[in-house]
């Protein structure tokens, strides 16, 4: 019987979901609204919403901007 291996897409989806949840939790911990974070990170609130919901991948530029606003090292933002 063939071994079932998660598809690459599923792994990417899980990563996007995990990092989105992490961003939302850190943002809420700092009591920053989604609109405030989006504005400070120079992105549309709709983009940030899709990132937090795991519906969109995060670019390196976006990750760097979000980490900077949240006052975190980029490595801590991506830590899962």
C-alpha atoms as a PDB file:
ATOM      1  CA  UNK A   1       0.000   0.000   0.000  1.00  0.00           C
ATOM      2  CA  UNK A   2       1.429   3.448  -0.891  1.00  0.00           C
ATOM      3  CA  UNK A   3       2.536   5.697   1.919  1.00  0.00           C
ATOM      4  CA  UNK A   4       0.352   8.779   2.319  1.00  0.00           C
ATOM      5  CA  UNK A   5       2.455  11.936   2.335  1.00  0.00           C
ATOM      6  CA  UNK A   6       0.944  15.364   2.947  1.00  0.00           C
ATOM      7  CA  UNK A   7       1.002  17.386  -0.207  1.00  0.00           C
ATOM      8  CA  UNK A   8       3.246  20.400  -0.450  1.00  0.00           C
ATOM      9  CA  UNK A   9       0.161  22.583  -0.747  1.00  0.00           C
ATOM     10  CA  UNK A  10      -1.241  21.275   2.539  1.00  0.00           C
ATOM     11  CA  UNK A  11       2.060  21.991   4.321  1.00  0.00           C
ATOM     12  CA  UNK A  12       2.043  25.532   2.904  1.00  0.00           C
ATOM     13  CA  UNK A  13      -1.576  25.989   3.952  1.00  0.00           C
ATOM     14  CA  UNK A  14      -0.773  24.856   7.491  1.00  0.00           C
ATOM     15  CA  UNK A  15       2.208  27.218   7.633  1.00  0.00           C
ATOM     16  CA  UNK A  16       0.075  30.134   6.426  1.00  0.00           C
ATOM     17  CA  UNK A  17      -2.586  29.344   9.012  1.00  0.00           C
ATOM     18  CA  UNK A  18      -0.051  29.011  11.847  1.00  0.00           C
ATOM     19  CA  UNK A  19       1.803  32.216  11.066  1.00  0.00           C
ATOM     20  CA  UNK A  20      -1.482  34.082  10.607  1.00  0.00           C
ATOM     21  CA  UNK A  21      -2.727  32.961  14.003  1.00  0.00           C
ATOM     22  CA  UNK A  22       0.619  33.926  15.540  1.00  0.00           C
ATOM     23  CA  UNK A  23       0.412  37.431  14.042  1.00  0.00           C
ATOM     24  CA  UNK A  24      -3.165  37.869  15.275  1.00  0.00           C
ATOM     25  CA  UNK A  25      -2.312  36.700  18.806  1.00  0.00           C
ATOM     26  CA  UNK A  26       0.695  39.006  19.045  1.00  0.00           C
ATOM     27  CA  UNK A  27      -1.295  41.926  17.642  1.00  0.00           C
ATOM     28  CA  UNK A  28      -4.110  41.361  20.128  1.00  0.00           C
ATOM     29  CA  UNK A  29      -1.630  40.985  22.989  1.00  0.00           C
ATOM     30  CA  UNK A  30      -0.284  44.441  22.131  1.00  0.00           C
ATOM     31  CA  UNK A  31      -3.854  45.753  21.790  1.00  0.00           C
ATOM     32  CA  UNK A  32      -3.253  46.914  18.224  1.00  0.00           C
ATOM     33  CA  UNK A  33      -6.193  46.838  15.821  1.00  0.00           C
ATOM     34  CA  UNK A  34      -5.897  45.130  12.487  1.00  0.00           C
ATOM     35  CA  UNK A  35      -6.279  48.513  10.780  1.00  0.00           C
ATOM     36  CA  UNK A  36      -3.468  50.036  12.843  1.00  0.00           C
ATOM     37  CA  UNK A  37      -1.095  47.175  12.135  1.00  0.00           C
ATOM     38  CA  UNK A  38      -1.929  47.208   8.435  1.00  0.00           C
ATOM     39  CA  UNK A  39      -1.356  50.961   8.209  1.00  0.00           C
ATOM     40  CA  UNK A  40       1.954  50.814  10.083  1.00  0.00           C
ATOM     41  CA  UNK A  41       3.103  47.850   7.968  1.00  0.00           C
ATOM     42  CA  UNK A  42       2.090  49.709   4.777  1.00  0.00           C
ATOM     43  CA  UNK A  43      -0.451  47.184   3.538  1.00  0.00           C
ATOM     44  CA  UNK A  44      -4.189  47.054   3.042  1.00  0.00           C
ATOM     45  CA  UNK A  45      -6.257  45.847   5.961  1.00  0.00           C
ATOM     46  CA  UNK A  46      -7.851  43.271   3.655  1.00  0.00           C
ATOM     47  CA  UNK A  47      -4.382  41.814   2.943  1.00  0.00           C
ATOM     48  CA  UNK A  48      -3.617  41.565   6.644  1.00  0.00           C
ATOM     49  CA  UNK A  49      -7.005  39.959   7.279  1.00  0.00           C
ATOM     50  CA  UNK A  50      -6.317  37.291   4.646  1.00  0.00           C
ATOM     51  CA  UNK A  51      -2.839  36.695   6.108  1.00  0.00           C
ATOM     52  CA  UNK A  52      -4.221  36.328   9.646  1.00  0.00           C
ATOM     53  CA  UNK A  53      -6.855  33.888   8.361  1.00  0.00           C
ATOM     54  CA  UNK A  54      -4.250  31.789   6.540  1.00  0.00           C
ATOM     55  CA  UNK A  55      -5.776  32.565   3.153  1.00  0.00           C
ATOM     56  CA  UNK A  56      -2.727  34.360   1.791  1.00  0.00           C
ATOM     57  CA  UNK A  57       1.005  33.786   1.908  1.00  0.00           C
ATOM     58  CA  UNK A  58       3.186  36.322   3.617  1.00  0.00           C
ATOM     59  CA  UNK A  59       5.974  37.907   1.587  1.00  0.00           C
ATOM     60  CA  UNK A  60       9.346  38.559   3.175  1.00  0.00           C
ATOM     61  CA  UNK A  61       8.743  42.302   2.868  1.00  0.00           C
ATOM     62  CA  UNK A  62       5.375  41.995   4.631  1.00  0.00           C
ATOM     63  CA  UNK A  63       6.804  39.722   7.332  1.00  0.00           C
ATOM     64  CA  UNK A  64       9.635  42.182   7.967  1.00  0.00           C
ATOM     65  CA  UNK A  65       7.236  45.129   8.197  1.00  0.00           C
ATOM     66  CA  UNK A  66       4.853  43.280  10.539  1.00  0.00           C
ATOM     67  CA  UNK A  67       7.713  42.104  12.773  1.00  0.00           C
ATOM     68  CA  UNK A  68       9.028  45.665  12.944  1.00  0.00           C
ATOM     69  CA  UNK A  69       5.628  47.064  13.959  1.00  0.00           C
ATOM     70  CA  UNK A  70       5.190  44.312  16.555  1.00  0.00           C
ATOM     71  CA  UNK A  71       8.757  45.027  17.769  1.00  0.00           C
ATOM     72  CA  UNK A  72       9.851  41.414  17.237  1.00  0.00           C
ATOM     73  CA  UNK A  73      12.808  39.813  15.522  1.00  0.00           C
ATOM     74  CA  UNK A  74      11.694  38.312  12.220  1.00  0.00           C
ATOM     75  CA  UNK A  75      12.785  34.871  13.444  1.00  0.00           C
ATOM     76  CA  UNK A  76      10.352  35.063  16.371  1.00  0.00           C
ATOM     77  CA  UNK A  77       7.476  35.953  14.075  1.00  0.00           C
ATOM     78  CA  UNK A  78       8.112  32.859  11.958  1.00  0.00           C
ATOM     79  CA  UNK A  79       8.724  30.563  14.938  1.00  0.00           C
ATOM     80  CA  UNK A  80       6.111  27.835  15.013  1.00  0.00           C
END
